[in-house]
Amino acid sequence: MNPFPQRARRFVKRAARGLLGCVALIVALAPQTFAQGCAMCYQSAAAGGDRSRLALQHGILILLFPSVGLFVGIFGLIYSRRNISR
């Protein structure tokens, strides 16, 4: 009997928990996320109006998801292969 499917299911469950934890952390820190910014970005967003400011905020969040996904994926791979060298 091959133990890989059981290991794969455990990995998927752990990865899902980790991803859920990351999403919860992002949601919990959302007001602080929108508060960050340099003076030039602030002036540019303020001059553009409400729609421009909202588009800038959404763009920042959209660019956040691929980097978080890569981060979680790489560390998930490292975690899943931690006992192979033993």
C-alpha atoms as a PDB file:
ATOM      1  CA  MET A   1       0.000   0.000   0.000  1.00  0.00           C
ATOM      2  CA  ASN A   2       1.362   3.379  -1.004  1.00  0.00           C
ATOM      3  CA  PRO A   3       1.319   5.968   1.838  1.00  0.00           C
ATOM      4  CA  PHE A   4       1.595   8.903  -0.579  1.00  0.00           C
ATOM      5  CA  PRO A   5      -2.132   9.602  -0.981  1.00  0.00           C
ATOM      6  CA  GLN A   6      -2.519   9.889   2.790  1.00  0.00           C
ATOM      7  CA  ARG A   7       0.507  12.199   2.960  1.00  0.00           C
ATOM      8  CA  ALA A   8      -0.878  14.226   0.082  1.00  0.00           C
ATOM      9  CA  ARG A   9      -4.224  14.644   1.834  1.00  0.00           C
ATOM     10  CA  ARG A  10      -2.496  15.780   5.012  1.00  0.00           C
ATOM     11  CA  PHE A  11      -0.419  18.258   3.028  1.00  0.00           C
ATOM     12  CA  VAL A  12      -3.495  19.668   1.311  1.00  0.00           C
ATOM     13  CA  LYS A  13      -5.257  20.053   4.662  1.00  0.00           C
ATOM     14  CA  ARG A  14      -2.249  21.826   6.178  1.00  0.00           C
ATOM     15  CA  ALA A  15      -1.853  24.056   3.137  1.00  0.00           C
ATOM     16  CA  ALA A  16      -5.552  24.932   3.247  1.00  0.00           C
ATOM     17  CA  ARG A  17      -5.298  25.801   6.937  1.00  0.00           C
ATOM     18  CA  GLY A  18      -2.241  27.954   6.246  1.00  0.00           C
ATOM     19  CA  LEU A  19      -3.947  29.716   3.364  1.00  0.00           C
ATOM     20  CA  LEU A  20      -7.047  30.287   5.458  1.00  0.00           C
ATOM     21  CA  GLY A  21      -4.863  31.719   8.221  1.00  0.00           C
ATOM     22  CA  CYS A  22      -3.175  34.072   5.744  1.00  0.00           C
ATOM     23  CA  VAL A  23      -6.523  35.237   4.404  1.00  0.00           C
ATOM     24  CA  ALA A  24      -7.780  35.811   7.948  1.00  0.00           C
ATOM     25  CA  LEU A  25      -4.657  37.817   8.752  1.00  0.00           C
ATOM     26  CA  ILE A  26      -5.050  39.933   5.616  1.00  0.00           C
ATOM     27  CA  VAL A  27      -8.698  40.604   6.416  1.00  0.00           C
ATOM     28  CA  ALA A  28      -7.861  41.469  10.009  1.00  0.00           C
ATOM     29  CA  LEU A  29      -5.159  43.928   8.936  1.00  0.00           C
ATOM     30  CA  ALA A  30      -7.091  45.489   6.021  1.00  0.00           C
ATOM     31  CA  PRO A  31      -7.561  48.919   7.656  1.00  0.00           C
ATOM     32  CA  GLN A  32      -3.825  49.117   8.316  1.00  0.00           C
ATOM     33  CA  THR A  33      -3.106  48.004   4.746  1.00  0.00           C
ATOM     34  CA  PHE A  34      -5.083  50.887   3.301  1.00  0.00           C
ATOM     35  CA  ALA A  35      -3.377  53.356   5.652  1.00  0.00           C
ATOM     36  CA  GLN A  36       0.120  52.715   4.288  1.00  0.00           C
ATOM     37  CA  GLY A  37       1.604  54.749   1.462  1.00  0.00           C
ATOM     38  CA  CYS A  38       4.183  57.260   0.455  1.00  0.00           C
ATOM     39  CA  ALA A  39       3.447  60.975   0.122  1.00  0.00           C
ATOM     40  CA  MET A  40       3.663  60.873  -3.672  1.00  0.00           C
ATOM     41  CA  CYS A  41       1.162  58.015  -3.911  1.00  0.00           C
ATOM     42  CA  TYR A  42      -1.135  59.805  -1.505  1.00  0.00           C
ATOM     43  CA  GLN A  43      -1.021  63.048  -3.514  1.00  0.00           C
ATOM     44  CA  SER A  44      -1.549  61.198  -6.798  1.00  0.00           C
ATOM     45  CA  ALA A  45      -4.509  59.258  -5.443  1.00  0.00           C
ATOM     46  CA  ALA A  46      -6.037  62.361  -3.864  1.00  0.00           C
ATOM     47  CA  ALA A  47      -5.721  64.364  -7.087  1.00  0.00           C
ATOM     48  CA  GLY A  48      -7.323  61.603  -9.147  1.00  0.00           C
ATOM     49  CA  GLY A  49     -10.558  61.530  -7.231  1.00  0.00           C
ATOM     50  CA  ASP A  50     -12.442  58.760  -5.492  1.00  0.00           C
ATOM     51  CA  ARG A  51     -12.497  56.316  -8.405  1.00  0.00           C
ATOM     52  CA  SER A  52      -8.757  56.650  -8.985  1.00  0.00           C
ATOM     53  CA  ARG A  53      -8.017  56.160  -5.282  1.00  0.00           C
ATOM     54  CA  LEU A  54     -10.230  53.083  -5.153  1.00  0.00           C
ATOM     55  CA  ALA A  55      -8.559  51.644  -8.263  1.00  0.00           C
ATOM     56  CA  LEU A  56      -5.137  52.179  -6.686  1.00  0.00           C
ATOM     57  CA  GLN A  57      -6.215  50.405  -3.497  1.00  0.00           C
ATOM     58  CA  HIS A  58      -7.615  47.462  -5.450  1.00  0.00           C
ATOM     59  CA  GLY A  59      -4.463  47.294  -7.557  1.00  0.00           C
ATOM     60  CA  ILE A  60      -2.309  47.038  -4.450  1.00  0.00           C
ATOM     61  CA  LEU A  61      -4.422  44.187  -3.088  1.00  0.00           C
ATOM     62  CA  ILE A  62      -4.468  42.385  -6.439  1.00  0.00           C
ATOM     63  CA  LEU A  63      -0.664  42.549  -6.608  1.00  0.00           C
ATOM     64  CA  LEU A  64      -0.469  41.168  -3.074  1.00  0.00           C
ATOM     65  CA  PHE A  65      -2.170  37.839  -3.859  1.00  0.00           C
ATOM     66  CA  PRO A  66       0.430  36.332  -6.269  1.00  0.00           C
ATOM     67  CA  SER A  67       3.284  37.101  -3.875  1.00  0.00           C
ATOM     68  CA  VAL A  68       1.442  35.588  -0.921  1.00  0.00           C
ATOM     69  CA  GLY A  69       0.568  32.562  -3.065  1.00  0.00           C
ATOM     70  CA  LEU A  70       4.203  32.050  -4.056  1.00  0.00           C
ATOM     71  CA  PHE A  71       5.333  32.482  -0.465  1.00  0.00           C
ATOM     72  CA  VAL A  72       2.826  29.933   0.842  1.00  0.00           C
ATOM     73  CA  GLY A  73       3.560  27.547  -2.032  1.00  0.00           C
ATOM     74  CA  ILE A  74       7.334  27.583  -1.563  1.00  0.00           C
ATOM     75  CA  PHE A  75       7.123  27.115   2.186  1.00  0.00           C
ATOM     76  CA  GLY A  76       4.496  24.395   1.716  1.00  0.00           C
ATOM     77  CA  LEU A  77       6.882  22.578  -0.609  1.00  0.00           C
ATOM     78  CA  ILE A  78       9.751  22.974   1.848  1.00  0.00           C
ATOM     79  CA  TYR A  79       7.550  21.736   4.676  1.00  0.00           C
ATOM     80  CA  SER A  80       6.320  18.735   2.707  1.00  0.00           C
ATOM     81  CA  ARG A  81       9.872  17.674   1.836  1.00  0.00           C
ATOM     82  CA  ARG A  82      11.455  18.221   5.237  1.00  0.00           C
ATOM     83  CA  ASN A  83      11.940  14.506   6.027  1.00  0.00           C
ATOM     84  CA  ILE A  84      13.180  13.288   2.636  1.00  0.00           C
ATOM     85  CA  SER A  85      16.887  13.794   3.410  1.00  0.00           C
ATOM     86  CA  ARG A  86      16.747  11.692   6.588  1.00  0.00           C
END
